[in-house]
Amino acid sequence: MNDQRRVLLAFLLMAAVLAFSQWWYSQMSPPEEAPPREGAPPEAVAPPPTAAPIETPPPTPVPAAPATVDNELLAGQRSPASVIVETPFYRAAIDPKGGTLGAIELNRYPSFTDSGPVQLVPETASFLRRAADLGTHRLALSDIRFAVSDTLLQLGPGDEGRDLTLRYKSGERAITQTYRFDPSGYVIDYELDVGSSENGLLVTSLGPRLESNEKNTRDDYGQMRAVARVDGEVISRQAKEVDEGEALALAGDVDWAGIRSKYFLAVVMAASEDELLSAATMEGEASDSLPLVDVAVGARIRDGRAAYRLYVGPQEYQRLSQLNEGLDDVSQYGWSWIRWMITPFAKLCVIIMLWLHNFIPSYGLVLTVFALLVRVVTWPLTTKSYQSIRAMQKLQPELQRVREQYKADPQRMQQETMALYKEKKVNPLGGCLPNLIPMPILFALFFVFQSTIEFRGQPFLWLGDLSQPDPLYILPVFMGATIYASSKLTTTDPKMAAMTYVMPVVLTFVFLNLAAGLVLYYALSNLLTFVQQWWLKHSMGHMDGEAAEAAG
């Protein structure tokens, strides 16, 4: 059973037990001699199958050694094997053959599968294979070796952006590809000029996957998706969700399309809001070893020119939300049937924690403060729940008399019961609903920790990485202990005593191999809940005792 299914089972179990236990407590009569001081949008739908798939340019292997091609600008000279581009954020290798992306290293993120930084392009692959369909003929750009304007571009912080130009000329045909690199981030601007006034379609292909750089490569590849935003809807598909040998054609206005893994992303984006991409095609294959995901994107060629933007980098929420509309939704939170409810909470949690990190350097401390803030916000709900339970307990003798008096007339019994609730201003569901309201936050945080790159590699105390399980299992055990303590404090019926032991054990094993940051938050939240319950129990018990003495 994967992590998502285990957590769903745990949450459903928690919600069911919580609702049942609150109802059960409300049915209990108060102790006869109590001491005076005790007291889930629908999944995005793909366009109709009438949309024709884009014909993907064939894969172009990275050459082992440079070679000459029929390019008059080379004049028999040998072009370099690759052009190296270095910025504060990444180091990229552009292949003069086709102008494809042969490698890109993200300087600010270490790889957990190899020494050195994250490498996103698989070793034997090349991204950005291109072909220009010009009506009567196709220019296979990936098969052309271009003359390059530079062999090395180095950009430092504060530098102006720089262009890399790749040119080809043969007879009357002149082709120019231009990359513009910006040292302030991961966005690369691209433009094609086919040297004529022809119209057509520029097809760019990414694939067959992103390279995994995570400790748990199985989980990383399991979260790999072909993604696109078409006509305002975000579409996400795993390799196994697209039949082998078939292509999922997406026609319409495309804002962006590409491939994402757990933490990283490679997408082709529209050059502007007025010049959207025209179509996208997703192909996939779930093999026994690694998934194959290929995404082809079409950009219109008008008067011989086409342009778009590239993003190859981390899924940083703030960075993505500023780049392109809907790009911050590339990592979707929750299962499709409950995503409409989880997503707002998940985004709010991310925004708050990133804001807190501006003042608190440690994400472990950020989680501690966040847990405290959530408990403060939900304090009135917990208090109201506890008050409702006590009110229902005190009302039980009168409810029992109504049941006995009208046991032969169920309809009258229900009417008198509701009248009694109204007279005493007691809500029979008041003990359940306030505790169920925070549940979306618990769901949201699981998916936040599953895909939020800011927690990747962040240490705290004995934890080397908040995005990985606790290697010593201290947090899951502590969390189980807090659940037990809280249950022990609130359970007064011997018939419910078994759940006091079962729930902590079950949830401890469920959370054993989940992200340490997630378990840290839950453990702290449970501890704070226990403290609040203890305070409410003793303070309200004290007030009941004083009231009884005054009445006596």
Protein backbone atom coordinates (compact mmCIF):
# COMPACT_ATOMS: atom_id res chain seq x y z
CA MET A 1 0.00 0.00 0.00
CA ASN A 2 1.50 3.37 -1.03
CA ASP A 3 1.77 6.41 1.22
CA GLN A 4 -1.34 8.14 -0.17
CA ARG A 5 -3.58 5.12 0.42
CA ARG A 6 -2.22 4.56 3.91
CA VAL A 7 -2.76 8.19 4.85
CA LEU A 8 -6.27 8.22 3.35
CA LEU A 9 -7.11 5.14 5.42
CA ALA A 10 -5.67 6.77 8.52
CA PHE A 11 -7.62 10.00 8.02
CA LEU A 12 -10.87 8.18 7.36
CA LEU A 13 -10.29 6.08 10.47
CA MET A 14 -9.50 9.18 12.52
CA ALA A 15 -12.61 11.00 11.26
CA ALA A 16 -14.85 7.98 11.86
CA VAL A 17 -13.54 7.37 15.36
CA LEU A 18 -13.73 11.07 16.19
CA ALA A 19 -17.33 11.39 15.04
CA PHE A 20 -18.40 8.16 16.75
CA SER A 21 -16.60 8.91 20.00
CA GLN A 22 -18.04 12.42 20.21
CA TRP A 23 -21.52 11.05 19.62
CA TRP A 24 -20.94 8.29 22.16
CA TYR A 25 -19.72 10.72 24.79
CA SER A 26 -22.75 12.90 24.24
CA GLN A 27 -25.02 9.95 25.06
CA MET A 28 -23.35 9.28 28.41
CA SER A 29 -24.93 10.41 31.62
CA PRO A 30 -22.79 12.50 33.96
CA PRO A 31 -21.11 10.67 36.88
CA GLU A 32 -23.35 10.42 39.90
CA GLU A 33 -20.67 11.50 42.36
CA ALA A 34 -18.27 13.61 40.34
CA PRO A 35 -15.61 15.46 42.35
CA PRO A 36 -16.28 19.19 42.48
CA ARG A 37 -13.08 20.09 40.55
CA GLU A 38 -13.31 17.56 37.70
CA GLY A 39 -15.17 18.28 34.88
CA ALA A 40 -13.00 16.34 -0.83
CA PRO A 41 -13.30 19.86 -8.97
CA PRO A 42 -13.73 17.43 -10.92
CA GLU A 43 -10.73 16.08 -12.72
CA ALA A 44 -9.81 18.17 -15.72
CA VAL A 45 -11.38 16.65 -18.85
CA ALA A 46 -9.24 16.29 -21.96
CA PRO A 47 -10.52 17.85 -25.19
CA PRO A 48 -12.52 15.70 -27.63
CA PRO A 49 -10.65 12.94 -29.45
CA THR A 50 -11.10 14.80 -32.74
CA ALA A 51 -7.92 16.76 -31.99
CA ALA A 52 -5.10 15.26 -34.05
CA PRO A 53 -1.89 14.37 -32.19
CA ILE A 54 1.20 16.42 -32.95
CA GLU A 55 3.82 14.42 -34.77
CA THR A 56 6.72 14.33 -32.34
CA PRO A 57 10.24 14.96 -33.60
CA PRO A 58 12.32 11.76 -33.36
CA PRO A 59 14.83 11.48 -30.51
CA THR A 60 18.25 12.92 -31.25
CA PRO A 61 21.12 11.29 -29.34
CA VAL A 62 23.85 13.55 -27.99
CA PRO A 63 26.89 12.98 -30.25
CA ALA A 64 30.06 11.62 -28.70
CA ALA A 65 32.24 13.84 -30.92
CA PRO A 66 31.61 16.91 -33.09
CA ALA A 67 31.01 16.52 -36.79
CA THR A 68 30.37 18.76 -39.79
CA VAL A 69 27.04 18.97 -41.60
CA ASP A 70 25.71 20.66 -44.74
CA ASN A 71 25.82 24.15 -43.24
CA GLU A 72 27.49 26.81 -45.37
CA LEU A 73 28.28 28.86 -42.25
CA LEU A 74 30.52 26.10 -40.95
CA ALA A 75 32.49 25.95 -44.21
CA GLY A 76 33.98 22.58 -43.34
CA GLN A 77 34.84 23.61 -39.78
CA ARG A 78 34.08 21.41 -36.84
CA SER A 79 31.55 22.84 -34.38
CA PRO A 80 31.92 22.25 -30.60
CA ALA A 81 30.34 19.24 -28.95
CA SER A 82 28.26 21.57 -26.77
CA VAL A 83 27.86 25.15 -25.63
CA ILE A 84 28.15 25.61 -21.87
CA VAL A 85 25.97 28.18 -20.14
CA GLU A 86 26.66 29.02 -16.49
CA THR A 87 24.41 31.19 -14.30
CA PRO A 88 24.03 31.51 -10.52
CA PHE A 89 21.13 29.05 -10.73
CA TYR A 90 22.18 26.39 -13.24
CA ARG A 91 24.77 25.02 -15.64
CA ALA A 92 23.37 23.97 -19.03
CA ALA A 93 24.78 22.28 -22.12
CA ILE A 94 23.27 23.19 -25.50
CA ASP A 95 24.03 20.79 -28.36
CA PRO A 96 24.83 22.58 -31.67
CA LYS A 97 23.13 19.69 -33.43
CA GLY A 98 19.51 20.77 -33.29
CA GLY A 99 20.02 23.22 -30.46
CA THR A 100 18.72 20.64 -27.99
CA LEU A 101 19.28 20.72 -24.25
CA GLY A 102 21.75 17.94 -23.47
CA ALA A 103 22.16 18.63 -19.75
CA ILE A 104 21.14 21.04 -17.02
CA GLU A 105 22.45 21.06 -13.45
CA LEU A 106 20.66 23.03 -10.72
CA ASN A 107 23.43 24.56 -8.62
CA ARG A 108 21.32 25.24 -5.54
CA TYR A 109 19.96 21.73 -5.08
CA PRO A 110 22.14 18.73 -4.21
CA SER A 111 21.45 15.38 -5.81
CA PHE A 112 20.78 12.53 -3.40
CA THR A 113 21.61 9.86 -5.97
CA ASP A 114 25.04 11.17 -6.94
CA SER A 115 27.62 13.63 -5.71
CA GLY A 116 27.10 17.11 -7.08
CA PRO A 117 24.01 19.13 -7.98
CA VAL A 118 20.68 17.94 -9.36
CA GLN A 119 20.87 16.84 -13.01
CA LEU A 120 17.43 16.90 -14.65
CA VAL A 121 18.11 15.62 -18.19
CA PRO A 122 18.75 11.85 -18.36
CA GLU A 123 22.27 11.02 -19.52
CA THR A 124 21.27 9.46 -22.85
CA ALA A 125 18.47 11.93 -23.67
CA SER A 126 18.23 15.40 -25.15
CA PHE A 127 15.39 17.77 -24.40
CA LEU A 128 13.82 20.26 -26.79
CA ARG A 129 13.88 18.25 -29.99
CA ARG A 130 12.27 20.48 -32.62
CA ALA A 131 10.67 20.34 -36.06
CA ALA A 132 9.02 23.15 -38.06
CA ASP A 133 5.95 22.11 -40.04
CA LEU A 134 5.56 24.65 -42.86
CA GLY A 135 2.57 23.24 -44.70
CA THR A 136 4.11 21.40 -47.64
CA HIS A 137 7.34 20.41 -45.91
CA ARG A 138 8.90 19.83 -42.52
CA LEU A 139 12.23 21.18 -41.29
CA ALA A 140 13.72 18.62 -38.89
CA LEU A 141 15.72 21.09 -36.81
CA SER A 142 17.05 18.31 -34.60
CA ASP A 143 18.97 16.87 -37.57
CA ILE A 144 20.75 20.12 -38.42
CA ARG A 145 24.12 21.14 -37.03
CA PHE A 146 24.18 24.86 -36.38
CA ALA A 147 26.98 27.39 -36.17
CA VAL A 148 27.02 28.90 -32.68
CA SER A 149 27.79 32.46 -31.62
CA ASP A 150 29.60 31.36 -28.43
CA THR A 151 31.03 28.22 -26.87
CA LEU A 152 30.81 29.48 -23.28
CA LEU A 153 28.41 31.91 -21.64
CA GLN A 154 29.02 32.88 -18.02
CA LEU A 155 26.52 35.14 -16.27
CA GLY A 156 26.93 36.39 -12.72
CA PRO A 157 24.47 37.97 -10.27
CA GLY A 158 23.26 41.32 -11.55
CA ASP A 159 24.47 40.75 -15.11
CA GLU A 160 22.29 41.54 -18.09
CA GLY A 161 20.76 38.64 -19.98
CA ARG A 162 22.77 37.27 -22.89
CA ASP A 163 21.86 35.62 -26.19
CA LEU A 164 23.14 32.42 -27.71
CA THR A 165 22.53 32.33 -31.46
CA LEU A 166 22.53 29.17 -33.58
CA ARG A 167 22.56 29.72 -37.36
CA TYR A 168 22.15 27.55 -40.41
CA LYS A 169 22.33 28.44 -44.12
CA SER A 170 22.04 26.27 -47.16
CA GLY A 171 21.17 27.86 -50.47
CA GLU A 172 18.17 30.13 -49.97
CA ARG A 173 17.23 28.59 -46.63
CA ALA A 174 18.49 30.41 -43.53
CA ILE A 175 17.43 29.32 -40.03
CA THR A 176 18.22 31.05 -36.76
CA GLN A 177 17.54 29.81 -33.26
CA THR A 178 18.08 32.23 -30.39
CA TYR A 179 18.24 31.46 -26.68
CA ARG A 180 18.21 34.29 -24.16
CA PHE A 181 19.54 33.39 -20.71
CA ASP A 182 18.63 35.41 -17.61
CA PRO A 183 20.92 35.13 -14.55
CA SER A 184 18.08 35.95 -12.14
CA GLY A 185 16.19 32.65 -12.46
CA TYR A 186 15.36 29.49 -14.39
CA VAL A 187 13.44 31.03 -17.32
CA ILE A 188 15.01 30.80 -20.81
CA ASP A 189 13.48 32.67 -23.75
CA TYR A 190 13.56 30.97 -27.15
CA GLU A 191 12.88 32.28 -30.68
CA LEU A 192 12.96 30.62 -34.12
CA ASP A 193 13.33 32.39 -37.46
CA VAL A 194 13.00 30.14 -40.52
CA GLY A 195 14.21 32.89 -42.85
CA SER A 196 10.99 33.31 -44.79
CA SER A 197 7.45 34.64 -44.38
CA GLU A 198 5.94 31.14 -44.12
CA ASN A 199 3.33 30.16 -41.55
CA GLY A 200 3.14 26.83 -39.78
CA LEU A 201 3.75 25.07 -36.47
CA LEU A 202 6.90 24.66 -34.41
CA VAL A 203 6.77 21.33 -32.55
CA THR A 204 8.99 20.94 -29.48
CA SER A 205 9.33 17.67 -27.61
CA LEU A 206 10.41 17.00 -24.03
CA GLY A 207 11.13 13.54 -22.69
CA PRO A 208 11.43 10.68 -22.05
CA ARG A 209 11.45 11.68 -18.36
CA LEU A 210 13.17 13.81 -15.78
CA GLU A 211 16.13 12.22 -14.06
CA SER A 212 15.50 11.25 -10.44
CA ASN A 213 17.76 12.83 -7.83
CA GLU A 214 15.90 11.71 -4.72
CA LYS A 215 16.69 9.23 -1.97
CA ASN A 216 13.45 7.40 -2.73
CA THR A 217 13.64 7.14 -6.54
CA ARG A 218 10.58 4.87 -6.66
CA ASP A 219 8.45 7.56 -5.04
CA ASP A 220 9.96 10.23 -7.30
CA TYR A 221 9.22 8.31 -10.50
CA GLY A 222 5.79 7.40 -9.10
CA GLN A 223 4.94 11.11 -8.97
CA MET A 224 6.24 11.87 -12.46
CA ARG A 225 3.54 13.38 -14.68
CA ALA A 226 2.96 14.87 -18.11
CA VAL A 227 1.28 18.19 -17.31
CA ALA A 228 -0.42 20.95 -19.29
CA ARG A 229 -2.85 23.82 -18.84
CA VAL A 230 -5.36 23.81 -21.70
CA ASP A 231 -8.30 26.19 -21.92
CA GLY A 232 -7.81 27.10 -18.27
CA GLU A 233 -7.81 23.50 -17.00
CA VAL A 234 -4.75 21.77 -15.54
CA ILE A 235 -4.31 18.26 -16.98
CA SER A 236 -1.97 15.77 -15.33
CA ARG A 237 -1.26 12.23 -16.52
CA GLN A 238 1.03 9.44 -15.35
CA ALA A 239 2.78 7.27 -17.93
CA LYS A 240 0.46 4.35 -17.15
CA GLU A 241 -2.61 6.54 -17.76
CA VAL A 242 -1.76 6.96 -21.46
CA ASP A 243 -1.98 3.75 -23.48
CA GLU A 244 1.31 2.55 -24.93
CA GLY A 245 1.59 3.42 -28.62
CA GLU A 246 -1.18 6.02 -28.37
CA ALA A 247 -1.09 9.75 -27.80
CA LEU A 248 -3.40 11.98 -25.79
CA ALA A 249 -4.05 15.00 -28.02
CA LEU A 250 -4.96 18.25 -26.27
CA ALA A 251 -6.30 20.94 -28.60
CA GLY A 252 -7.08 24.44 -27.47
CA ASP A 253 -5.29 27.39 -25.91
CA VAL A 254 -2.24 25.98 -24.13
CA ASP A 255 -0.61 28.14 -21.44
CA TRP A 256 2.12 25.62 -20.73
CA ALA A 257 2.98 21.93 -21.07
CA GLY A 258 5.81 19.70 -19.92
CA ILE A 259 6.98 17.11 -17.41
CA ARG A 260 7.23 17.26 -13.64
CA SER A 261 8.68 14.98 -10.99
CA LYS A 262 8.18 15.21 -7.26
CA TYR A 263 10.15 18.44 -6.86
CA PHE A 264 11.28 19.58 -10.33
CA LEU A 265 9.72 20.75 -13.55
CA ALA A 266 10.48 21.21 -17.26
CA VAL A 267 7.83 23.11 -19.21
CA VAL A 268 7.35 25.07 -22.42
CA MET A 269 5.36 28.24 -21.66
CA ALA A 270 3.52 30.67 -23.90
CA ALA A 271 5.62 33.70 -24.80
CA SER A 272 2.81 36.01 -23.64
CA GLU A 273 -0.90 36.03 -22.82
CA ASP A 274 -1.58 37.18 -26.39
CA GLU A 275 0.50 34.41 -28.01
CA LEU A 276 -0.59 31.13 -26.45
CA LEU A 277 0.64 27.73 -27.56
CA SER A 278 -1.69 25.92 -29.93
CA ALA A 279 -1.70 22.25 -28.92
CA ALA A 280 0.00 19.56 -26.87
CA THR A 281 0.36 15.79 -27.07
CA MET A 282 1.12 13.42 -24.21
CA GLU A 283 2.63 9.98 -24.75
CA GLY A 284 3.50 7.53 -22.02
CA GLU A 285 4.60 4.02 -21.21
CA ALA A 286 4.84 2.38 -17.82
CA SER A 287 7.63 -0.15 -18.26
CA ASP A 288 8.89 -2.56 -15.61
CA SER A 289 11.78 -0.24 -14.78
CA LEU A 290 11.28 3.48 -15.49
CA PRO A 291 8.31 5.45 -16.81
CA LEU A 292 8.50 7.00 -20.27
CA VAL A 293 6.73 10.34 -20.61
CA ASP A 294 6.98 12.43 -23.78
CA VAL A 295 5.24 15.76 -24.22
CA ALA A 296 5.11 17.57 -27.58
CA VAL A 297 4.06 21.23 -27.68
CA GLY A 298 3.00 23.25 -30.74
CA ALA A 299 3.78 26.94 -31.13
CA ARG A 300 2.42 28.89 -34.11
CA ILE A 301 4.86 30.11 -36.75
CA ARG A 302 3.71 33.46 -38.12
CA ASP A 303 5.64 35.21 -40.89
CA GLY A 304 8.50 32.77 -40.33
CA ARG A 305 8.85 33.37 -36.59
CA ALA A 306 7.85 31.51 -33.45
CA ALA A 307 8.69 32.08 -29.80
CA TYR A 308 8.08 30.65 -26.34
CA ARG A 309 9.61 30.51 -22.91
CA LEU A 310 11.20 27.59 -21.07
CA TYR A 311 11.29 26.78 -17.39
CA VAL A 312 13.59 24.01 -16.21
CA GLY A 313 14.00 24.12 -12.46
CA PRO A 314 12.47 23.55 -9.02
CA GLN A 315 8.78 23.69 -8.17
CA GLU A 316 9.16 26.68 -5.87
CA TYR A 317 5.65 27.93 -5.15
CA GLN A 318 6.40 31.64 -5.11
CA ARG A 319 8.54 31.48 -8.26
CA LEU A 320 5.97 29.47 -10.24
CA SER A 321 3.02 31.60 -9.16
CA GLN A 322 4.74 34.69 -10.59
CA LEU A 323 5.70 33.13 -13.94
CA ASN A 324 2.54 32.00 -15.67
CA GLU A 325 -1.14 31.72 -14.77
CA GLY A 326 -1.90 28.36 -13.24
CA LEU A 327 1.72 27.21 -13.10
CA ASP A 328 1.54 27.02 -9.31
CA ASP A 329 -1.13 24.32 -9.83
CA VAL A 330 1.34 22.04 -11.63
CA SER A 331 1.64 20.05 -8.41
CA GLN A 332 -1.93 19.23 -7.54
CA TYR A 333 -2.91 18.64 -3.93
CA GLY A 334 -5.03 15.65 -3.05
CA TRP A 335 -7.10 13.06 -4.82
CA SER A 336 -9.33 14.33 -7.62
CA TRP A 337 -12.57 13.80 -5.70
CA ILE A 338 -11.47 15.96 -2.78
CA ARG A 339 -8.99 18.33 -4.45
CA TRP A 340 -11.49 21.20 -4.54
CA MET A 341 -11.47 21.27 -0.76
CA ILE A 342 -7.80 20.51 -0.05
CA THR A 343 -6.15 22.89 -2.54
CA PRO A 344 -7.14 26.21 -0.87
CA PHE A 345 -5.95 24.95 2.52
CA ALA A 346 -2.72 23.56 1.03
CA LYS A 347 -1.85 26.82 -0.73
CA LEU A 348 -2.64 28.82 2.39
CA CYS A 349 -0.40 26.56 4.49
CA VAL A 350 2.47 26.92 2.00
CA ILE A 351 2.12 30.71 1.85
CA ILE A 352 2.09 31.04 5.65
CA MET A 353 5.08 28.74 6.18
CA LEU A 354 7.14 30.46 3.47
CA TRP A 355 6.29 33.81 5.05
CA LEU A 356 7.33 32.55 8.49
CA HIS A 357 10.62 31.36 7.02
CA ASN A 358 11.47 34.99 6.23
CA PHE A 359 11.84 35.50 9.98
CA ILE A 360 12.66 31.97 11.22
CA PRO A 361 15.70 30.35 9.55
CA SER A 362 14.88 26.74 10.53
CA TYR A 363 11.92 25.02 8.86
CA GLY A 364 11.65 22.79 11.94
CA LEU A 365 10.97 25.88 14.04
CA VAL A 366 8.63 27.16 11.32
CA LEU A 367 6.57 23.97 11.72
CA THR A 368 6.56 24.42 15.48
CA VAL A 369 5.26 27.99 15.21
CA PHE A 370 2.78 26.96 12.51
CA ALA A 371 1.37 24.18 14.71
CA LEU A 372 0.95 26.70 17.52
CA LEU A 373 -0.81 29.18 15.19
CA VAL A 374 -3.22 26.50 13.95
CA ARG A 375 -4.01 25.50 17.51
CA VAL A 376 -4.67 29.15 18.45
CA VAL A 377 -6.99 29.58 15.44
CA THR A 378 -8.88 26.36 16.22
CA TRP A 379 -8.95 26.97 19.98
CA PRO A 380 -12.57 28.25 19.94
CA LEU A 381 -13.64 25.16 17.95
CA THR A 382 -12.10 22.78 20.46
CA THR A 383 -13.58 24.72 23.36
CA LYS A 384 -17.03 24.70 21.77
CA SER A 385 -16.75 20.96 21.12
CA TYR A 386 -15.86 20.27 24.73
CA GLN A 387 -18.67 22.49 25.99
CA SER A 388 -21.17 20.75 23.70
CA ILE A 389 -20.14 17.34 24.97
CA ARG A 390 -20.57 18.41 28.60
CA ALA A 391 -23.93 20.02 27.84
CA MET A 392 -25.14 16.81 26.18
CA GLN A 393 -23.97 14.76 29.14
CA LYS A 394 -25.89 16.96 31.59
CA LEU A 395 -29.00 16.72 29.40
CA GLN A 396 -29.01 12.93 29.35
CA PRO A 397 -31.36 12.39 32.34
CA GLU A 398 -34.05 14.58 30.75
CA LEU A 399 -33.54 12.96 27.35
CA GLN A 400 -33.93 9.56 29.00
CA ARG A 401 -37.22 10.62 30.57
CA VAL A 402 -38.51 11.78 27.14
CA ARG A 403 -37.55 8.42 25.63
CA GLU A 404 -39.35 6.51 28.37
CA GLN A 405 -42.45 8.71 28.25
CA TYR A 406 -42.91 8.57 24.46
CA LYS A 407 -41.36 5.21 23.60
CA ALA A 408 -44.63 4.09 22.00
CA ASP A 409 -44.79 7.19 19.77
CA PRO A 410 -41.43 7.65 17.93
CA GLN A 411 -42.64 10.75 16.08
CA ARG A 412 -43.70 12.49 19.29
CA MET A 413 -40.44 11.40 20.92
CA GLN A 414 -38.45 13.08 18.15
CA GLN A 415 -40.50 16.27 18.43
CA GLU A 416 -40.10 16.46 22.21
CA THR A 417 -36.39 15.73 21.93
CA MET A 418 -35.84 18.55 19.45
CA ALA A 419 -37.92 20.85 21.64
CA LEU A 420 -35.72 19.99 24.61
CA TYR A 421 -32.58 20.72 22.58
CA LYS A 422 -34.05 24.09 21.60
CA GLU A 423 -35.12 24.93 25.14
CA LYS A 424 -31.70 24.11 26.60
CA LYS A 425 -29.86 25.64 23.59
CA VAL A 426 -27.92 22.44 22.98
CA ASN A 427 -26.73 21.30 19.52
CA PRO A 428 -26.49 17.49 19.39
CA LEU A 429 -23.82 17.73 16.67
CA GLY A 430 -21.90 20.46 18.43
CA GLY A 431 -19.29 18.04 19.75
CA CYS A 432 -18.52 16.52 16.35
CA LEU A 433 -18.50 19.33 13.81
CA PRO A 434 -15.95 21.66 15.43
CA ASN A 435 -13.39 18.83 15.55
CA LEU A 436 -14.09 17.75 11.96
CA ILE A 437 -13.55 21.26 10.55
CA PRO A 438 -9.71 21.15 11.01
CA MET A 439 -9.53 17.84 9.10
CA PRO A 440 -8.97 19.53 5.68
CA ILE A 441 -5.83 21.12 7.16
CA LEU A 442 -4.54 17.68 8.12
CA PHE A 443 -5.23 16.36 4.61
CA ALA A 444 -3.66 19.44 3.01
CA LEU A 445 -0.44 19.20 5.02
CA PHE A 446 0.18 15.63 3.89
CA PHE A 447 0.24 16.75 0.25
CA VAL A 448 2.18 19.91 1.10
CA PHE A 449 4.98 17.82 2.59
CA GLN A 450 4.79 15.39 -0.31
CA SER A 451 5.71 17.96 -2.96
CA THR A 452 6.96 21.19 -1.37
CA ILE A 453 10.61 21.53 -2.37
CA GLU A 454 11.40 24.03 0.38
CA PHE A 455 11.45 21.15 2.90
CA ARG A 456 13.78 19.03 0.74
CA GLY A 457 17.11 18.46 2.52
CA GLN A 458 16.22 20.70 5.48
CA PRO A 459 17.70 19.39 8.78
CA PHE A 460 16.23 19.82 12.27
CA LEU A 461 17.67 18.43 15.50
CA TRP A 462 18.51 14.76 14.81
CA LEU A 463 16.58 14.81 11.52
CA GLY A 464 18.79 15.11 8.46
CA ASP A 465 15.91 15.86 6.09
CA LEU A 466 12.39 16.96 6.99
CA SER A 467 11.08 15.53 3.70
CA GLN A 468 12.30 12.02 4.62
CA PRO A 469 11.12 9.61 7.37
CA ASP A 470 12.57 9.89 10.84
CA PRO A 471 15.54 7.44 10.80
CA LEU A 472 15.22 6.81 14.55
CA TYR A 473 11.38 6.61 14.59
CA ILE A 474 11.30 8.97 17.55
CA LEU A 475 8.63 11.26 16.11
CA PRO A 476 6.11 8.55 15.15
CA VAL A 477 6.39 6.97 18.60
CA PHE A 478 6.04 10.36 20.28
CA MET A 479 3.02 11.14 18.13
CA GLY A 480 1.42 7.84 19.16
CA ALA A 481 2.08 8.69 22.81
CA THR A 482 0.35 12.06 22.46
CA ILE A 483 -2.68 10.40 20.86
CA TYR A 484 -2.82 7.91 23.73
CA ALA A 485 -2.54 10.64 26.36
CA SER A 486 -5.29 12.70 24.75
CA SER A 487 -7.59 9.68 24.41
CA LYS A 488 -6.93 8.64 27.99
CA LEU A 489 -7.85 12.10 29.19
CA THR A 490 -11.17 12.29 27.39
CA THR A 491 -12.36 8.67 27.50
CA THR A 492 -14.55 7.95 30.54
CA ASP A 493 -16.59 5.00 29.26
CA PRO A 494 -15.01 1.54 29.77
CA LYS A 495 -16.61 0.39 26.50
CA MET A 496 -14.41 2.86 24.63
CA ALA A 497 -11.22 1.95 26.47
CA ALA A 498 -10.02 -0.40 23.69
CA MET A 499 -9.84 2.49 21.22
CA THR A 500 -7.51 4.28 23.62
CA TYR A 501 -4.89 1.64 22.83
CA VAL A 502 -5.80 0.68 19.24
CA MET A 503 -5.79 4.15 17.64
CA PRO A 504 -2.30 5.23 18.82
CA VAL A 505 -0.76 1.94 17.65
CA VAL A 506 -2.47 2.00 14.24
CA LEU A 507 -1.58 5.64 13.53
CA THR A 508 2.01 5.16 14.73
CA PHE A 509 2.55 2.45 12.12
CA VAL A 510 0.75 4.49 9.44
CA PHE A 511 3.04 7.51 10.00
CA LEU A 512 6.21 5.45 10.54
CA ASN A 513 7.62 6.01 7.03
CA LEU A 514 6.09 9.38 6.18
CA ALA A 515 7.97 12.69 5.95
CA ALA A 516 9.46 13.67 9.31
CA GLY A 517 8.22 17.23 8.94
CA LEU A 518 4.65 15.99 8.56
CA VAL A 519 4.93 13.76 11.65
CA LEU A 520 6.59 16.61 13.57
CA TYR A 521 3.62 18.84 12.88
CA TYR A 522 1.08 16.18 13.86
CA ALA A 523 2.97 15.32 17.05
CA LEU A 524 3.16 18.98 18.10
CA SER A 525 -0.49 19.52 17.20
CA ASN A 526 -1.54 16.50 19.29
CA LEU A 527 0.57 17.67 22.22
CA LEU A 528 -1.05 21.10 22.13
CA THR A 529 -4.48 19.48 21.86
CA PHE A 530 -3.75 17.42 24.96
CA VAL A 531 -2.72 20.54 26.89
CA GLN A 532 -5.88 22.34 25.83
CA GLN A 533 -8.12 19.41 26.74
CA TRP A 534 -6.48 19.09 30.14
CA TRP A 535 -6.96 22.80 30.82
CA LEU A 536 -10.60 22.75 29.69
CA LYS A 537 -11.41 19.69 31.75
CA HIS A 538 -10.01 21.08 34.96
CA SER A 539 -11.17 24.68 34.49
CA MET A 540 -14.74 23.69 33.62
CA GLY A 541 -14.79 21.12 36.38
CA HIS A 542 -13.72 23.82 38.80
CA MET A 543 -16.53 26.11 37.62
CA ASP A 544 -19.10 23.32 37.94
CA GLY A 545 -17.94 22.67 41.47
CA GLU A 546 -18.28 26.32 42.46
CA ALA A 547 -21.72 26.49 40.89
CA ALA A 548 -22.81 23.41 42.84
CA GLU A 549 -21.55 24.87 46.10
CA ALA A 550 -23.35 28.15 45.43
CA ALA A 551 -26.59 26.32 44.67
CA GLY A 552 -26.25 24.28 47.83
